[in-house]
Structure formats: structure tokens, C-alpha cells
Amino acid sequence: MEVIKTGKHLGAEIRGVDLSKPLSDAQFEAVSQAFFEHQVVVFPDQRLEPQQQIDFTKRFGTLEHHVRKESRLEGYPEIFVLSNILDEAGKPIGALDAGRFWHSDLSYKQHPSMLSALYSVEIPEKDGVVYGDTHYASVVAAYDHLPDAMKKRLEGLSAVHSYAYYRRKNRLAQMEEAARGGRVIEEPELSEEQLRSVPDMSFPIVRTHPVTGRKALFVNEAHTSHIVGMDQEEGDRLLAELYAHIIKPEFRHTHRWRRGDLLMWDNTAAQHKATFDYALPLRRLMYRTTVRGSVPY
């Protein structure tokens, strides 16, 4: 196995590993160490069936079933489909615009996800140019580089993470895009039962990584609705300051996709954002598995 560092604070390529076959305990331990060290890792040139992706990622822990049932892969509820491909009825076969805002996956859950693994089945490409990059930012490095006064200010503060807030924000963005003349395919409405399954959760703004013990910022523009006990206007200003700090160029890394990439990222240590610079007939099809994490502290 060879680990090639690709970014300053996060990002590495792991070569010499065939994830379609079970890894030995020693191989898995080496992969795990590299993953938590580099926060975002890619395994290139993989040829994975859905069950093989599930079998590999579930070695890290319990896999989540996403609340959006219509975007789960048939027969494999652990796999969340990300795609702009439409079925014969003109409906998306997966989540069409997931990742519009900077976020960490499932930060609104009682046990926010530890890691996500995204496998590229089909990528948007034309004339040798690949579209749909994914951008990452290290919230560990961002915390480390905060002024001491800001670190002190954040001590003891908590923020609310809300899937309902995200849905409203995403819907507003879709309406604005439609007003500009863009083609928008709306997400299906969630049932009351689905929404009740993801109630708002309050977590520390600064959390401790359960594996590495490092401190990290745990707020994101997609899911964080407000700071607990703080005036909304003051809280919004503080959140905006943190969001701008997190995505400074020195904390970021961009992945350009290749077919067969299995990209895995640490949701405790990093945030990510998709790039929507493609449209049909350029097609994108990705399979995501997500490992449940622990309650932030």
C-alpha cells in the first residue's frame, strides 16, 4: 500500500489496495490510520459492486439509511444515490443537488456521521474535461488557526443543526435559480414521519474528534440554524465569521473525479461542497455509504 499526500492539511491517494476483496486486519488498520491522518482519501481505479462498497465501509461502523428513501439504491438501503440522471418519467434516480452548501454529512442527526464514502460509477466528462469537482475544508486546521480570543469566545457555546432548516434553505436556493432562468427539478416533499425522524439537535460548536482527540469546529452553513442562547443577529454574524474562516484557501483541497474513484472523508474533521458546473446530457452517478458516528462532545 502506498499513501501519497495530495493536500496541505487534508487529502491523500491510497494506491495498491483492491477494495473489491476483503482486507486483512493489518491492511484495514493501515487504511484506517491513513484515513484519520489525512481526513480525505481516494482509492483510485476501483471496480466495486454495491455490496462490496457496503462490506468495506461497514468495517468502520454502523451504516446509515438516509431519510430520503426515494434516493436509496433499490435492494441496498445503505447506499444513497447521487445523480442527475432521470428515469423514463422524468424523475431523478437519486439526489440531484445534494451538496449545494458547505456541510458535513448528517450533522443534524443525534449521532452525526463519522465518515462518508462516495464511489464514482459515472462522471460528467466532455472533450477530456471532467466536471463536478468536490471541494473540502479542514475544520481541524481551521480551529487550530483561530485566534486565542476566538477560541475562548467559543468555549461552552452550542449550535442547533436542523434538517428542516436545510430543506427550507435549499428550497429558497432552487426558487432563486428558477427566477434566473435555470432548470430546477424540485426534491420530493418529505412526509411528517420522515421529518420527525430527524429532529433538531444541539451540539458544541467546538467538538473533540473521537479517534484523534483533536479539536474541530462543528458548524456548517447548510445545517446550522442558530447558536443556542444568543441573539439571532449576533449569532448569525458569528456563524458567518466562522464559515468564512473555515473555507479559507489554506484549509482547502479539491478532488477532481475519475471513474472508479472511491473517495472517503472524515465528517468530524472536514466539510465539503459540490460543484454544479454540468448538466444533462453530461451524466453523473455516485453511490454513497455513510458510517454513523458518536454524539459530539
C-alpha atoms as a PDB file:
ATOM      1  CA  MET A   1       0.000   0.000   0.000  1.00  0.00           C
ATOM      2  CA  GLU A   2       1.263   3.450  -0.910  1.00  0.00           C
ATOM      3  CA  VAL A   3      -0.086   6.697   0.602  1.00  0.00           C
ATOM      4  CA  ILE A   4       0.572   9.849  -1.416  1.00  0.00           C
ATOM      5  CA  LYS A   5      -0.220  13.145   0.292  1.00  0.00           C
ATOM      6  CA  THR A   6      -2.104  15.498  -2.055  1.00  0.00           C
ATOM      7  CA  GLY A   7      -3.017  18.496   0.149  1.00  0.00           C
ATOM      8  CA  LYS A   8      -1.504  20.611   2.924  1.00  0.00           C
ATOM      9  CA  HIS A   9      -3.957  19.866   5.742  1.00  0.00           C
ATOM     10  CA  LEU A  10      -6.071  17.149   4.165  1.00  0.00           C
ATOM     11  CA  GLY A  11      -6.061  14.874   1.148  1.00  0.00           C
ATOM     12  CA  ALA A  12      -4.181  11.707   0.153  1.00  0.00           C
ATOM     13  CA  GLU A  13      -4.284   8.999  -2.502  1.00  0.00           C
ATOM     14  CA  ILE A  14      -4.055   5.382  -1.365  1.00  0.00           C
ATOM     15  CA  ARG A  15      -2.728   3.012  -4.013  1.00  0.00           C
ATOM     16  CA  GLY A  16      -2.176  -0.729  -4.017  1.00  0.00           C
ATOM     17  CA  VAL A  17      -5.484  -1.608  -2.351  1.00  0.00           C
ATOM     18  CA  ASP A  18      -8.266  -3.559  -4.083  1.00  0.00           C
ATOM     19  CA  LEU A  19     -11.453  -2.809  -2.153  1.00  0.00           C
ATOM     20  CA  SER A  20     -13.445  -5.408  -4.067  1.00  0.00           C
ATOM     21  CA  LYS A  21     -11.693  -8.020  -1.905  1.00  0.00           C
ATOM     22  CA  PRO A  22     -11.770  -8.308   1.896  1.00  0.00           C
ATOM     23  CA  LEU A  23      -8.825  -6.546   3.539  1.00  0.00           C
ATOM     24  CA  SER A  24      -6.773  -8.328   6.160  1.00  0.00           C
ATOM     25  CA  ASP A  25      -6.829  -6.854   9.650  1.00  0.00           C
ATOM     26  CA  ALA A  26      -3.354  -5.418   9.068  1.00  0.00           C
ATOM     27  CA  GLN A  27      -4.380  -3.863   5.748  1.00  0.00           C
ATOM     28  CA  PHE A  28      -7.510  -2.362   7.269  1.00  0.00           C
ATOM     29  CA  GLU A  29      -5.566  -0.916  10.194  1.00  0.00           C
ATOM     30  CA  ALA A  30      -3.127   0.742   7.766  1.00  0.00           C
ATOM     31  CA  VAL A  31      -6.014   2.173   5.731  1.00  0.00           C
ATOM     32  CA  SER A  32      -7.730   3.423   8.890  1.00  0.00           C
ATOM     33  CA  GLN A  33      -4.599   5.157  10.150  1.00  0.00           C
ATOM     34  CA  ALA A  34      -4.022   6.848   6.792  1.00  0.00           C
ATOM     35  CA  PHE A  35      -7.646   7.941   6.637  1.00  0.00           C
ATOM     36  CA  PHE A  36      -7.763   9.616  10.036  1.00  0.00           C
ATOM     37  CA  GLU A  37      -4.386  11.243   9.432  1.00  0.00           C
ATOM     38  CA  HIS A  38      -5.323  12.770   6.064  1.00  0.00           C
ATOM     39  CA  GLN A  39      -9.083  13.343   6.606  1.00  0.00           C
ATOM     40  CA  VAL A  40      -9.893  12.865   2.887  1.00  0.00           C
ATOM     41  CA  VAL A  41      -8.506   9.891   0.938  1.00  0.00           C
ATOM     42  CA  VAL A  42      -9.157   8.461  -2.512  1.00  0.00           C
ATOM     43  CA  PHE A  43      -8.734   4.872  -3.678  1.00  0.00           C
ATOM     44  CA  PRO A  44      -8.365   5.117  -7.486  1.00  0.00           C
ATOM     45  CA  ASP A  45      -9.191   2.533 -10.127  1.00  0.00           C
ATOM     46  CA  GLN A  46     -11.694   0.528  -8.082  1.00  0.00           C
ATOM     47  CA  ARG A  47     -14.310  -1.774  -9.615  1.00  0.00           C
ATOM     48  CA  LEU A  48     -16.943  -2.170  -6.942  1.00  0.00           C
ATOM     49  CA  GLU A  49     -20.334  -3.781  -6.764  1.00  0.00           C
ATOM     50  CA  PRO A  50     -22.740  -2.173  -4.259  1.00  0.00           C
ATOM     51  CA  GLN A  51     -22.311  -4.979  -1.723  1.00  0.00           C
ATOM     52  CA  GLN A  52     -18.523  -4.686  -1.895  1.00  0.00           C
ATOM     53  CA  GLN A  53     -18.720  -0.971  -1.077  1.00  0.00           C
ATOM     54  CA  ILE A  54     -21.045  -1.773   1.812  1.00  0.00           C
ATOM     55  CA  ASP A  55     -18.788  -4.546   3.120  1.00  0.00           C
ATOM     56  CA  PHE A  56     -15.711  -2.296   3.128  1.00  0.00           C
ATOM     57  CA  THR A  57     -17.246   0.769   4.737  1.00  0.00           C
ATOM     58  CA  LYS A  58     -19.203  -1.090   7.404  1.00  0.00           C
ATOM     59  CA  ARG A  59     -15.906  -2.231   8.896  1.00  0.00           C
ATOM     60  CA  PHE A  60     -15.668   1.325  10.238  1.00  0.00           C
ATOM     61  CA  GLY A  61     -19.046   1.065  11.969  1.00  0.00           C
ATOM     62  CA  THR A  62     -22.820   1.023  11.513  1.00  0.00           C
ATOM     63  CA  LEU A  63     -24.080   2.268   8.139  1.00  0.00           C
ATOM     64  CA  GLU A  64     -26.853   4.855   7.919  1.00  0.00           C
ATOM     65  CA  HIS A  65     -30.069   4.623   5.888  1.00  0.00           C
ATOM     66  CA  HIS A  66     -30.715   8.137   4.542  1.00  0.00           C
ATOM     67  CA  VAL A  67     -34.057   9.772   5.403  1.00  0.00           C
ATOM     68  CA  ARG A  68     -34.728  10.313   1.675  1.00  0.00           C
ATOM     69  CA  LYS A  69     -35.978   6.819   0.894  1.00  0.00           C
ATOM     70  CA  GLU A  70     -36.593   7.632  -2.785  1.00  0.00           C
ATOM     71  CA  SER A  71     -32.845   8.146  -3.286  1.00  0.00           C
ATOM     72  CA  ARG A  72     -31.711   4.848  -1.790  1.00  0.00           C
ATOM     73  CA  LEU A  73     -30.408   2.224  -4.207  1.00  0.00           C
ATOM     74  CA  GLU A  74     -33.018  -0.471  -4.707  1.00  0.00           C
ATOM     75  CA  GLY A  75     -32.067  -3.566  -2.762  1.00  0.00           C
ATOM     76  CA  TYR A  76     -29.282  -1.722  -0.926  1.00  0.00           C
ATOM     77  CA  PRO A  77     -30.796   0.745   1.567  1.00  0.00           C
ATOM     78  CA  GLU A  78     -27.323   1.586   2.911  1.00  0.00           C
ATOM     79  CA  ILE A  79     -26.440   3.231  -0.422  1.00  0.00           C
ATOM     80  CA  PHE A  80     -27.574   6.806  -1.079  1.00  0.00           C
ATOM     81  CA  VAL A  81     -27.638   7.608  -4.804  1.00  0.00           C
ATOM     82  CA  LEU A  82     -26.352  10.979  -6.049  1.00  0.00           C
ATOM     83  CA  SER A  83     -27.223  11.559  -9.690  1.00  0.00           C
ATOM     84  CA  ASN A  84     -28.635  13.964 -12.272  1.00  0.00           C
ATOM     85  CA  ILE A  85     -29.941  11.074 -14.405  1.00  0.00           C
ATOM     86  CA  LEU A  86     -33.709  10.961 -14.936  1.00  0.00           C
ATOM     87  CA  ASP A  87     -35.904   7.907 -15.242  1.00  0.00           C
ATOM     88  CA  GLU A  88     -38.469   7.384 -18.005  1.00  0.00           C
ATOM     89  CA  ALA A  89     -40.986   9.506 -16.101  1.00  0.00           C
ATOM     90  CA  GLY A  90     -38.527  12.406 -15.891  1.00  0.00           C
ATOM     91  CA  LYS A  91     -37.836  11.941 -12.180  1.00  0.00           C
ATOM     92  CA  PRO A  92     -34.289  11.911 -10.763  1.00  0.00           C
ATOM     93  CA  ILE A  93     -32.994   8.445  -9.894  1.00  0.00           C
ATOM     94  CA  GLY A  94     -31.077   9.937  -6.963  1.00  0.00           C
ATOM     95  CA  ALA A  95     -30.435  13.162  -5.058  1.00  0.00           C
ATOM     96  CA  LEU A  96     -29.961  15.761  -7.758  1.00  0.00           C
ATOM     97  CA  ASP A  97     -28.431  18.729  -5.939  1.00  0.00           C
ATOM     98  CA  ALA A  98     -27.008  17.344  -2.705  1.00  0.00           C
ATOM     99  CA  GLY A  99     -24.041  19.375  -1.506  1.00  0.00           C
ATOM    100  CA  ARG A 100     -25.135  22.829  -2.694  1.00  0.00           C
ATOM    101  CA  PHE A 101     -23.792  24.359   0.553  1.00  0.00           C
ATOM    102  CA  TRP A 102     -20.710  23.665   2.681  1.00  0.00           C
ATOM    103  CA  HIS A 103     -21.601  20.923   5.151  1.00  0.00           C
ATOM    104  CA  SER A 104     -20.638  17.732   6.933  1.00  0.00           C
ATOM    105  CA  ASP A 105     -22.927  14.804   6.246  1.00  0.00           C
ATOM    106  CA  LEU A 106     -25.829  14.225   8.629  1.00  0.00           C
ATOM    107  CA  SER A 107     -24.608  16.782  11.182  1.00  0.00           C
ATOM    108  CA  TYR A 108     -28.277  17.151  12.197  1.00  0.00           C
ATOM    109  CA  LYS A 109     -28.539  13.537  13.430  1.00  0.00           C
ATOM    110  CA  GLN A 110     -28.272  12.503  17.075  1.00  0.00           C
ATOM    111  CA  HIS A 111     -25.149  10.600  16.045  1.00  0.00           C
ATOM    112  CA  PRO A 112     -23.660  12.674  13.190  1.00  0.00           C
ATOM    113  CA  SER A 113     -21.803  10.604  10.628  1.00  0.00           C
ATOM    114  CA  MET A 114     -18.184   9.710  11.194  1.00  0.00           C
ATOM    115  CA  LEU A 115     -17.266   9.132   7.572  1.00  0.00           C
ATOM    116  CA  SER A 116     -18.742   9.020   4.092  1.00  0.00           C
ATOM    117  CA  ALA A 117     -17.526   7.005   1.105  1.00  0.00           C
ATOM    118  CA  LEU A 118     -18.542   8.050  -2.410  1.00  0.00           C
ATOM    119  CA  TYR A 119     -17.974   5.764  -5.379  1.00  0.00           C
ATOM    120  CA  SER A 120     -17.976   7.206  -8.902  1.00  0.00           C
ATOM    121  CA  VAL A 121     -19.931   4.978 -11.271  1.00  0.00           C
ATOM    122  CA  GLU A 122     -20.290   7.625 -13.976  1.00  0.00           C
ATOM    123  CA  ILE A 123     -18.745  11.108 -14.148  1.00  0.00           C
ATOM    124  CA  PRO A 124     -19.669  14.149 -16.271  1.00  0.00           C
ATOM    125  CA  GLU A 125     -16.956  14.482 -18.895  1.00  0.00           C
ATOM    126  CA  LYS A 126     -16.723  16.188 -22.291  1.00  0.00           C
ATOM    127  CA  ASP A 127     -13.760  16.560 -24.641  1.00  0.00           C
ATOM    128  CA  GLY A 128     -11.405  15.302 -21.962  1.00  0.00           C
ATOM    129  CA  VAL A 129     -12.630  17.803 -19.361  1.00  0.00           C
ATOM    130  CA  VAL A 130     -14.132  16.431 -16.136  1.00  0.00           C
ATOM    131  CA  TYR A 131     -16.817  18.421 -14.328  1.00  0.00           C
ATOM    132  CA  GLY A 132     -18.336  18.173 -10.864  1.00  0.00           C
ATOM    133  CA  ASP A 133     -15.301  18.619  -8.597  1.00  0.00           C
ATOM    134  CA  THR A 134     -15.833  18.220  -4.852  1.00  0.00           C
ATOM    135  CA  HIS A 135     -14.233  20.752  -2.506  1.00  0.00           C
ATOM    136  CA  TYR A 136     -13.112  20.005   1.061  1.00  0.00           C
ATOM    137  CA  ALA A 137     -12.085  22.174   4.006  1.00  0.00           C
ATOM    138  CA  SER A 138     -10.388  21.010   7.201  1.00  0.00           C
ATOM    139  CA  VAL A 139     -12.337  22.164  10.259  1.00  0.00           C
ATOM    140  CA  VAL A 140      -9.476  20.817  12.403  1.00  0.00           C
ATOM    141  CA  ALA A 141      -6.915  23.081  10.731  1.00  0.00           C
ATOM    142  CA  ALA A 142      -9.439  25.930  10.795  1.00  0.00           C
ATOM    143  CA  TYR A 143      -9.828  25.578  14.578  1.00  0.00           C
ATOM    144  CA  ASP A 144      -6.071  25.296  15.132  1.00  0.00           C
ATOM    145  CA  HIS A 145      -5.547  28.626  13.338  1.00  0.00           C
ATOM    146  CA  LEU A 146      -8.233  30.587  15.189  1.00  0.00           C
ATOM    147  CA  PRO A 147      -7.001  33.477  17.349  1.00  0.00           C
ATOM    148  CA  ASP A 148      -6.864  32.583  21.039  1.00  0.00           C
ATOM    149  CA  ALA A 149      -9.540  35.189  21.754  1.00  0.00           C
ATOM    150  CA  MET A 150     -11.969  33.457  19.372  1.00  0.00           C
ATOM    151  CA  LYS A 151     -11.199  30.041  20.851  1.00  0.00           C
ATOM    152  CA  LYS A 152     -12.005  31.480  24.273  1.00  0.00           C
ATOM    153  CA  ARG A 153     -15.243  33.028  22.969  1.00  0.00           C
ATOM    154  CA  LEU A 154     -16.422  29.689  21.565  1.00  0.00           C
ATOM    155  CA  GLU A 155     -15.881  27.750  24.801  1.00  0.00           C
ATOM    156  CA  GLY A 156     -19.176  26.372  26.070  1.00  0.00           C
ATOM    157  CA  LEU A 157     -21.220  27.565  23.079  1.00  0.00           C
ATOM    158  CA  SER A 158     -23.591  25.195  21.277  1.00  0.00           C
ATOM    159  CA  ALA A 159     -25.401  25.466  17.950  1.00  0.00           C
ATOM    160  CA  VAL A 160     -28.511  23.826  16.555  1.00  0.00           C
ATOM    161  CA  HIS A 161     -28.275  21.581  13.486  1.00  0.00           C
ATOM    162  CA  SER A 162     -31.558  21.215  11.627  1.00  0.00           C
ATOM    163  CA  TYR A 163     -32.568  19.185   8.580  1.00  0.00           C
ATOM    164  CA  ALA A 164     -35.777  21.231   8.325  1.00  0.00           C
ATOM    165  CA  TYR A 165     -33.622  24.385   8.181  1.00  0.00           C
ATOM    166  CA  TYR A 166     -31.573  22.848   5.374  1.00  0.00           C
ATOM    167  CA  ARG A 167     -34.684  21.917   3.393  1.00  0.00           C
ATOM    168  CA  ARG A 168     -36.015  25.466   3.629  1.00  0.00           C
ATOM    169  CA  LYS A 169     -32.652  26.935   2.641  1.00  0.00           C
ATOM    170  CA  ASN A 170     -32.264  24.561  -0.282  1.00  0.00           C
ATOM    171  CA  ARG A 171     -35.802  25.247  -1.499  1.00  0.00           C
ATOM    172  CA  LEU A 172     -35.133  29.013  -1.434  1.00  0.00           C
ATOM    173  CA  ALA A 173     -31.956  28.488  -3.466  1.00  0.00           C
ATOM    174  CA  GLN A 174     -33.937  26.448  -6.012  1.00  0.00           C
ATOM    175  CA  MET A 175     -36.519  29.235  -6.320  1.00  0.00           C
ATOM    176  CA  GLU A 176     -33.773  31.823  -6.850  1.00  0.00           C
ATOM    177  CA  GLU A 177     -32.195  29.614  -9.507  1.00  0.00           C
ATOM    178  CA  ALA A 178     -35.540  29.218 -11.256  1.00  0.00           C
ATOM    179  CA  ALA A 179     -36.040  33.015 -11.181  1.00  0.00           C
ATOM    180  CA  ARG A 180     -32.715  33.388 -13.015  1.00  0.00           C
ATOM    181  CA  GLY A 181     -33.983  31.086 -15.739  1.00  0.00           C
ATOM    182  CA  GLY A 182     -32.251  27.933 -14.554  1.00  0.00           C
ATOM    183  CA  ARG A 183     -33.835  24.496 -14.920  1.00  0.00           C
ATOM    184  CA  VAL A 184     -34.712  23.206 -11.490  1.00  0.00           C
ATOM    185  CA  ILE A 185     -36.042  19.756 -10.630  1.00  0.00           C
ATOM    186  CA  GLU A 186     -37.514  20.008  -7.165  1.00  0.00           C
ATOM    187  CA  GLU A 187     -36.821  17.499  -4.422  1.00  0.00           C
ATOM    188  CA  PRO A 188     -39.756  15.352  -3.359  1.00  0.00           C
ATOM    189  CA  GLU A 189     -41.641  16.503  -0.284  1.00  0.00           C
ATOM    190  CA  LEU A 190     -40.837  14.603   2.887  1.00  0.00           C
ATOM    191  CA  SER A 191     -43.602  13.050   4.942  1.00  0.00           C
ATOM    192  CA  GLU A 192     -44.268  14.147   8.507  1.00  0.00           C
ATOM    193  CA  GLU A 193     -42.923  10.799   9.639  1.00  0.00           C
ATOM    194  CA  GLN A 194     -39.644  11.402   7.790  1.00  0.00           C
ATOM    195  CA  LEU A 195     -39.254  14.891   9.252  1.00  0.00           C
ATOM    196  CA  ARG A 196     -39.982  13.631  12.772  1.00  0.00           C
ATOM    197  CA  SER A 197     -37.185  11.089  12.348  1.00  0.00           C
ATOM    198  CA  VAL A 198     -34.624  13.935  12.116  1.00  0.00           C
ATOM    199  CA  PRO A 199     -35.465  16.425  14.893  1.00  0.00           C
ATOM    200  CA  ASP A 200     -33.251  19.461  15.527  1.00  0.00           C
ATOM    201  CA  MET A 201     -30.126  18.696  17.563  1.00  0.00           C
ATOM    202  CA  SER A 202     -27.864  20.937  19.652  1.00  0.00           C
ATOM    203  CA  PHE A 203     -24.099  20.279  19.708  1.00  0.00           C
ATOM    204  CA  PRO A 204     -20.928  22.060  20.899  1.00  0.00           C
ATOM    205  CA  ILE A 205     -19.514  24.493  18.345  1.00  0.00           C
ATOM    206  CA  VAL A 206     -16.076  23.084  19.147  1.00  0.00           C
ATOM    207  CA  ARG A 207     -16.052  19.296  19.276  1.00  0.00           C
ATOM    208  CA  THR A 208     -13.377  16.729  20.070  1.00  0.00           C
ATOM    209  CA  HIS A 209     -12.533  14.143  17.435  1.00  0.00           C
ATOM    210  CA  PRO A 210     -13.415  10.717  18.912  1.00  0.00           C
ATOM    211  CA  VAL A 211     -10.409   8.997  17.278  1.00  0.00           C
ATOM    212  CA  THR A 212      -7.609  11.581  17.085  1.00  0.00           C
ATOM    213  CA  GLY A 213      -8.606  13.724  20.074  1.00  0.00           C
ATOM    214  CA  ARG A 214      -8.081  16.923  18.057  1.00  0.00           C
ATOM    215  CA  LYS A 215     -10.422  19.910  18.353  1.00  0.00           C
ATOM    216  CA  ALA A 216     -12.582  20.898  15.379  1.00  0.00           C
ATOM    217  CA  LEU A 217     -15.233  23.465  14.500  1.00  0.00           C
ATOM    218  CA  PHE A 218     -18.652  21.847  14.242  1.00  0.00           C
ATOM    219  CA  VAL A 219     -20.921  24.338  12.460  1.00  0.00           C
ATOM    220  CA  ASN A 220     -21.787  24.455   8.761  1.00  0.00           C
ATOM    221  CA  GLU A 221     -23.783  26.746   6.511  1.00  0.00           C
ATOM    222  CA  ALA A 222     -26.136  24.013   5.299  1.00  0.00           C
ATOM    223  CA  HIS A 223     -27.437  22.630   8.575  1.00  0.00           C
ATOM    224  CA  THR A 224     -26.640  25.071  11.406  1.00  0.00           C
ATOM    225  CA  SER A 225     -29.679  27.252  12.103  1.00  0.00           C
ATOM    226  CA  HIS A 226     -28.566  29.284  15.137  1.00  0.00           C
ATOM    227  CA  ILE A 227     -26.403  29.498  18.255  1.00  0.00           C
ATOM    228  CA  VAL A 228     -28.136  28.470  21.446  1.00  0.00           C
ATOM    229  CA  GLY A 229     -28.930  31.346  23.821  1.00  0.00           C
ATOM    230  CA  MET A 230     -27.518  34.048  21.552  1.00  0.00           C
ATOM    231  CA  ASP A 231     -29.393  36.869  19.846  1.00  0.00           C
ATOM    232  CA  GLN A 232     -30.131  35.782  16.273  1.00  0.00           C
ATOM    233  CA  GLU A 233     -28.379  38.739  14.664  1.00  0.00           C
ATOM    234  CA  GLU A 234     -25.280  38.381  16.826  1.00  0.00           C
ATOM    235  CA  GLY A 235     -25.290  34.626  16.313  1.00  0.00           C
ATOM    236  CA  ASP A 236     -25.605  34.981  12.539  1.00  0.00           C
ATOM    237  CA  ARG A 237     -22.596  37.328  12.491  1.00  0.00           C
ATOM    238  CA  LEU A 238     -20.509  34.871  14.485  1.00  0.00           C
ATOM    239  CA  LEU A 239     -21.528  31.944  12.306  1.00  0.00           C
ATOM    240  CA  ALA A 240     -20.745  33.910   9.132  1.00  0.00           C
ATOM    241  CA  GLU A 241     -17.293  34.718  10.524  1.00  0.00           C
ATOM    242  CA  LEU A 242     -16.637  31.048  11.262  1.00  0.00           C
ATOM    243  CA  TYR A 243     -17.926  29.898   7.865  1.00  0.00           C
ATOM    244  CA  ALA A 244     -15.633  32.365   6.067  1.00  0.00           C
ATOM    245  CA  HIS A 245     -12.672  31.228   8.164  1.00  0.00           C
ATOM    246  CA  ILE A 246     -13.279  27.513   7.545  1.00  0.00           C
ATOM    247  CA  ILE A 247     -13.141  27.836   3.756  1.00  0.00           C
ATOM    248  CA  LYS A 248     -10.000  29.939   3.521  1.00  0.00           C
ATOM    249  CA  PRO A 249      -7.796  28.611   0.681  1.00  0.00           C
ATOM    250  CA  GLU A 250      -5.081  27.365   3.053  1.00  0.00           C
ATOM    251  CA  PHE A 251      -7.519  24.905   4.663  1.00  0.00           C
ATOM    252  CA  ARG A 252      -8.968  23.550   1.425  1.00  0.00           C
ATOM    253  CA  HIS A 253      -8.434  20.696  -1.003  1.00  0.00           C
ATOM    254  CA  THR A 254     -10.281  19.893  -4.251  1.00  0.00           C
ATOM    255  CA  HIS A 255     -10.877  16.457  -5.700  1.00  0.00           C
ATOM    256  CA  ARG A 256     -11.235  16.035  -9.467  1.00  0.00           C
ATOM    257  CA  TRP A 257     -13.120  12.831 -10.109  1.00  0.00           C
ATOM    258  CA  ARG A 258     -12.148   9.836 -12.197  1.00  0.00           C
ATOM    259  CA  ARG A 259     -14.409   6.910 -12.919  1.00  0.00           C
ATOM    260  CA  GLY A 260     -13.711   4.195 -10.361  1.00  0.00           C
ATOM    261  CA  ASP A 261     -12.660   6.535  -7.550  1.00  0.00           C
ATOM    262  CA  LEU A 262     -13.770   5.597  -4.057  1.00  0.00           C
ATOM    263  CA  LEU A 263     -13.410   8.853  -2.116  1.00  0.00           C
ATOM    264  CA  MET A 264     -13.728   8.731   1.650  1.00  0.00           C
ATOM    265  CA  TRP A 265     -13.851  11.694   4.034  1.00  0.00           C
ATOM    266  CA  ASP A 266     -13.967  12.293   7.773  1.00  0.00           C
ATOM    267  CA  ASN A 267     -17.092  14.292   8.627  1.00  0.00           C
ATOM    268  CA  THR A 268     -15.712  15.184  12.055  1.00  0.00           C
ATOM    269  CA  ALA A 269     -12.562  16.712  10.576  1.00  0.00           C
ATOM    270  CA  ALA A 270     -13.744  18.136   7.252  1.00  0.00           C
ATOM    271  CA  GLN A 271     -16.595  19.830   5.423  1.00  0.00           C
ATOM    272  CA  HIS A 272     -17.336  19.570   1.716  1.00  0.00           C
ATOM    273  CA  LYS A 273     -19.241  21.226  -1.114  1.00  0.00           C
ATOM    274  CA  ALA A 274     -20.216  20.022  -4.573  1.00  0.00           C
ATOM    275  CA  THR A 275     -19.662  21.821  -7.880  1.00  0.00           C
ATOM    276  CA  PHE A 276     -22.655  22.040 -10.222  1.00  0.00           C
ATOM    277  CA  ASP A 277     -20.913  23.035 -13.446  1.00  0.00           C
ATOM    278  CA  TYR A 278     -22.541  20.344 -15.601  1.00  0.00           C
ATOM    279  CA  ALA A 279     -25.992  19.408 -16.862  1.00  0.00           C
ATOM    280  CA  LEU A 280     -27.575  16.717 -18.990  1.00  0.00           C
ATOM    281  CA  PRO A 281     -26.625  15.213 -21.374  1.00  0.00           C
ATOM    282  CA  LEU A 282     -23.497  15.069 -19.177  1.00  0.00           C
ATOM    283  CA  ARG A 283     -24.371  12.368 -16.645  1.00  0.00           C
ATOM    284  CA  ARG A 284     -23.243  11.823 -13.071  1.00  0.00           C
ATOM    285  CA  LEU A 285     -23.903   8.726 -10.965  1.00  0.00           C
ATOM    286  CA  MET A 286     -22.402   8.217  -7.499  1.00  0.00           C
ATOM    287  CA  TYR A 287     -23.065   5.738  -4.687  1.00  0.00           C
ATOM    288  CA  ARG A 288     -22.550   6.925  -1.102  1.00  0.00           C
ATOM    289  CA  THR A 289     -22.310   4.927   2.097  1.00  0.00           C
ATOM    290  CA  THR A 290     -22.219   6.750   5.425  1.00  0.00           C
ATOM    291  CA  VAL A 291     -20.898   5.447   8.748  1.00  0.00           C
ATOM    292  CA  ARG A 292     -22.661   6.567  11.906  1.00  0.00           C
ATOM    293  CA  GLY A 293     -20.530   8.454  14.385  1.00  0.00           C
ATOM    294  CA  SER A 294     -20.814   9.357  18.063  1.00  0.00           C
ATOM    295  CA  VAL A 295     -22.543  12.162  19.952  1.00  0.00           C
ATOM    296  CA  PRO A 296     -20.297  15.280  19.662  1.00  0.00           C
ATOM    297  CA  TYR A 297     -18.571  16.418  22.830  1.00  0.00           C
END
